[in-house]
Every structure is written in structure tokens, then in C-alpha cells.
């Protein structure tokens, strides 16, 4: 299933403290020419194997395009990513955005590579930096659906959004 396919992978040396990650750097450049509806076919993904105490990976030579990023860094960044996620989830509970039982649902394996993928993979700011989003005032604004709620305004919304797991460091 699509939600079980990770667009990033991280490997680390427990003794040496180094991490190595690979991630999709630009999703818009990932084109397997098969036009799968829910996910990429299995012809483009990087393949890994660990044999003889060595990690091997291959990029299949096939027709199509892909853009991957490689990251080599200290494993401490992975541990920090997990601690940040835990802290952010606990803050969501303290702000009553999540119930205590829902805390477990917000926690998933986080690594520095997943952070890089989140920042560099989904959409390039170069693609949207010059966009001008305008609303045609001739059509009028739609009426507000909700006149009251848990969030009192833009400042509070931003404050609550910051500790979100995908929002980055608080």
C-alpha cells in the first residue's frame, strides 16, 4: 500500500555513530513512465542488501527519471529527531490538541533523513516562489463555515502548528 512505501531510508553504525540516508529529493522528477495511480511501480526504487558486513545499494538502470539525495551525518541527529517528535507530541497533548491516548499515534520512526526528505522532497520552493495567489473579488468571498472554535486566530493557529511532527523544530 502507498502508506507503507517509505520515500527515505536510513542506516547507521551503532559502534561508530555514523548514519547514512537516501531519500527522494524531488518527487516531481520521479517518473517511471508507468503512470501508476496510487504509487510508483517497483522499477525505479533504490534496492538495498546487507552482505558480508557491507551495505550495498543499486539504482536500477531503466527508462525513467528519479532524483535522490544522499546524506552522511552523525547518528546523534537521528536521536535528536526522535526526541523532537516526542517533545512536540507531548506539547500537543498539553495544549489539548491531542488526547493522551492519541499520543502514541503521533509517534513513528523519525530520522534526520526523514526530516531532509520532508524539507527537500515534497515540493521545491523554486517551483512556487514566484506564484501569485489571487482571489477574484468579483465572485465575493464564501461565508464563514464556523464562527467559533478552539483556535482564536492566526497567531494561535501558528503557535499550535509549530509543534506538529511535520512542522519542524518548535
Protein backbone atom coordinates (compact mmCIF):
# COMPACT_ATOMS: atom_id res chain seq x y z
CA UNK A 1 0.00 0.00 0.00
CA UNK A 2 1.10 3.55 -0.65
CA UNK A 3 1.35 4.47 3.03
CA UNK A 4 3.73 1.56 3.61
CA UNK A 5 6.22 2.78 0.99
CA UNK A 6 8.88 4.98 2.54
CA UNK A 7 10.42 7.67 0.36
CA UNK A 8 13.55 7.54 2.53
CA UNK A 9 15.80 5.03 4.28
CA UNK A 10 18.40 5.43 7.00
CA UNK A 11 21.20 3.10 8.04
CA UNK A 12 23.55 3.64 10.96
CA UNK A 13 26.60 2.14 12.57
CA UNK A 14 25.85 1.62 16.25
CA UNK A 15 29.54 1.47 17.14
CA UNK A 16 30.87 4.32 15.01
CA UNK A 17 27.90 6.64 15.40
CA UNK A 18 27.56 7.47 11.71
CA UNK A 19 24.32 7.49 9.72
CA UNK A 20 23.75 7.24 6.02
CA UNK A 21 20.45 8.14 4.40
CA UNK A 22 18.92 8.11 0.94
CA UNK A 23 15.70 9.90 0.07
CA UNK A 24 13.60 11.10 -2.82
CA UNK A 25 14.82 14.64 -3.29
CA UNK A 26 12.31 15.90 -5.87
CA UNK A 27 9.08 13.94 -6.21
CA UNK A 28 8.18 15.79 -9.40
CA UNK A 29 11.27 14.26 -11.06
CA UNK A 30 10.26 10.69 -10.13
CA UNK A 31 8.75 9.32 -13.33
CA UNK A 32 8.61 5.59 -14.03
CA UNK A 33 6.60 6.11 -17.26
CA UNK A 34 4.02 3.62 -15.98
CA UNK A 35 1.68 6.25 -14.56
CA UNK A 36 0.60 4.21 -11.58
CA UNK A 37 -2.38 5.76 -9.86
CA UNK A 38 -1.51 5.25 -6.17
CA UNK A 39 2.25 4.87 -6.12
CA UNK A 40 5.32 4.41 -8.26
CA UNK A 41 5.84 0.98 -9.76
CA UNK A 42 8.70 -1.09 -8.41
CA UNK A 43 11.08 -0.44 -11.33
CA UNK A 44 12.72 2.80 -10.06
CA UNK A 45 13.24 2.41 -6.30
CA UNK A 46 16.71 2.05 -4.87
CA UNK A 47 17.40 -1.51 -3.74
CA UNK A 48 19.43 -2.40 -0.64
CA UNK A 49 21.16 -5.50 0.64
CA UNK A 50 23.47 -6.16 3.56
CA UNK A 51 26.01 -8.91 2.88
CA UNK A 52 29.39 -9.66 4.42
CA UNK A 53 29.11 -6.75 6.84
CA UNK A 54 28.71 -4.34 3.91
CA UNK A 55 25.70 -2.36 2.76
CA UNK A 56 25.08 -2.37 -0.98
CA UNK A 57 22.56 -0.37 -2.91
CA UNK A 58 21.70 -0.14 -6.56
CA UNK A 59 19.73 2.22 -8.72
CA UNK A 60 18.18 0.04 -11.43
CA UNK A 61 19.09 1.04 -14.99
CA UNK A 62 15.67 1.50 -16.54
CA UNK A 63 13.84 4.05 -18.64
CA UNK A 64 12.53 6.85 -16.43
CA UNK A 65 13.81 9.58 -14.16
CA UNK A 66 14.43 9.93 -10.45
CA UNK A 67 16.11 12.39 -8.13
CA UNK A 68 17.56 11.04 -4.93
CA UNK A 69 19.51 12.69 -2.16
CA UNK A 70 22.25 11.13 -0.05
CA UNK A 71 23.10 12.23 3.46
CA UNK A 72 26.03 11.20 5.64
CA UNK A 73 25.94 12.54 9.19
CA UNK A 74 26.31 11.71 12.87
CA UNK A 75 23.63 9.38 14.25
CA UNK A 76 23.01 11.91 17.04
CA UNK A 77 20.84 13.82 14.54
CA UNK A 78 18.53 10.78 14.28
CA UNK A 79 18.20 10.57 18.06
CA UNK A 80 17.51 14.30 18.23
CA UNK A 81 14.77 13.89 15.58
CA UNK A 82 13.05 11.24 17.75
CA UNK A 83 13.34 13.40 20.89
CA UNK A 84 11.94 16.42 19.00
CA UNK A 85 9.00 14.31 17.85
CA UNK A 86 8.29 13.10 21.38
CA UNK A 87 8.52 16.64 22.78
CA UNK A 88 6.25 18.01 20.04
CA UNK A 89 3.65 15.28 20.62
CA UNK A 90 3.67 15.92 24.38
CA UNK A 91 3.17 19.64 23.70
CA UNK A 92 0.13 18.81 21.52
CA UNK A 93 -1.32 16.87 24.44
CA UNK A 94 -0.60 19.70 26.90
CA UNK A 95 -2.32 22.16 24.51
CA UNK A 96 -5.30 19.77 24.43
CA UNK A 97 -4.95 19.33 20.66
CA UNK A 98 -4.44 15.61 21.24
CA UNK A 99 -5.79 13.37 23.93
CA UNK A 100 -3.19 11.45 25.93
CA UNK A 101 -4.17 8.17 24.26
CA UNK A 102 -3.63 9.71 20.83
CA UNK A 103 -0.02 10.49 21.72
CA UNK A 104 1.09 7.04 20.59
CA UNK A 105 -0.45 7.60 17.14
CA UNK A 106 1.75 10.64 16.53
CA UNK A 107 4.95 8.72 17.06
CA UNK A 108 6.63 6.93 14.18
CA UNK A 109 10.27 6.22 13.38
CA UNK A 110 11.78 9.66 12.74
CA UNK A 111 15.28 10.22 11.45
CA UNK A 112 17.26 13.16 10.17
CA UNK A 113 16.87 11.62 6.68
CA UNK A 114 13.07 11.77 7.06
CA UNK A 115 13.44 15.44 8.01
CA UNK A 116 15.56 16.09 4.89
CA UNK A 117 13.01 14.31 2.72
CA UNK A 118 10.23 16.37 4.25
CA UNK A 119 12.09 19.61 3.53
CA UNK A 120 13.64 18.77 0.15
CA UNK A 121 11.41 16.11 -1.36
CA UNK A 122 7.81 17.19 -1.46
CA UNK A 123 7.95 20.40 -3.47
CA UNK A 124 10.75 22.75 -4.32
CA UNK A 125 10.28 26.33 -3.24
CA UNK A 126 11.81 27.33 -6.57
CA UNK A 127 8.72 25.90 -8.22
CA UNK A 128 6.30 28.08 -6.25
CA UNK A 129 8.35 31.10 -5.16
CA UNK A 130 7.04 33.32 -7.96
CA UNK A 131 3.42 32.21 -7.78
CA UNK A 132 0.93 34.96 -7.10
CA UNK A 133 -2.20 33.64 -5.46
CA UNK A 134 -5.06 35.99 -6.07
CA UNK A 135 -8.77 35.71 -5.43
CA UNK A 136 -11.15 37.19 -7.96
CA UNK A 137 -13.10 39.65 -5.82
CA UNK A 138 -15.93 39.82 -8.42
CA UNK A 139 -17.20 36.50 -7.10
CA UNK A 140 -17.32 37.57 -3.48
CA UNK A 141 -16.00 35.63 -0.55
CA UNK A 142 -17.77 32.50 0.61
CA UNK A 143 -19.44 32.77 4.01
CA UNK A 144 -17.52 31.56 7.06
CA UNK A 145 -18.38 27.96 7.84
CA UNK A 146 -17.53 28.27 11.53
CA UNK A 147 -17.93 31.36 13.65
CA UNK A 148 -16.27 29.91 16.75
CA UNK A 149 -13.83 27.15 17.55
CA UNK A 150 -10.79 26.06 19.53
CA UNK A 151 -8.39 28.36 17.68
CA UNK A 152 -8.85 32.06 18.34
CA UNK A 153 -6.93 33.50 15.40
CA UNK A 154 -3.92 33.32 13.10
CA UNK A 155 -1.35 33.76 15.89
CA UNK A 156 -2.80 30.92 17.91
CA UNK A 157 -3.07 28.74 14.80
CA UNK A 158 0.63 29.28 14.05
CA UNK A 159 1.55 28.58 17.68
CA UNK A 160 -0.36 25.29 17.59
CA UNK A 161 1.02 24.31 14.20
CA UNK A 162 4.69 24.69 15.12
CA UNK A 163 4.96 21.61 17.36
CA UNK A 164 3.32 19.40 14.72
CA UNK A 165 5.54 16.42 13.86
CA UNK A 166 5.94 17.67 10.28
CA UNK A 167 6.16 21.32 11.27
CA UNK A 168 9.79 21.08 12.24
CA UNK A 169 11.53 22.19 15.38
CA UNK A 170 9.40 24.29 17.69
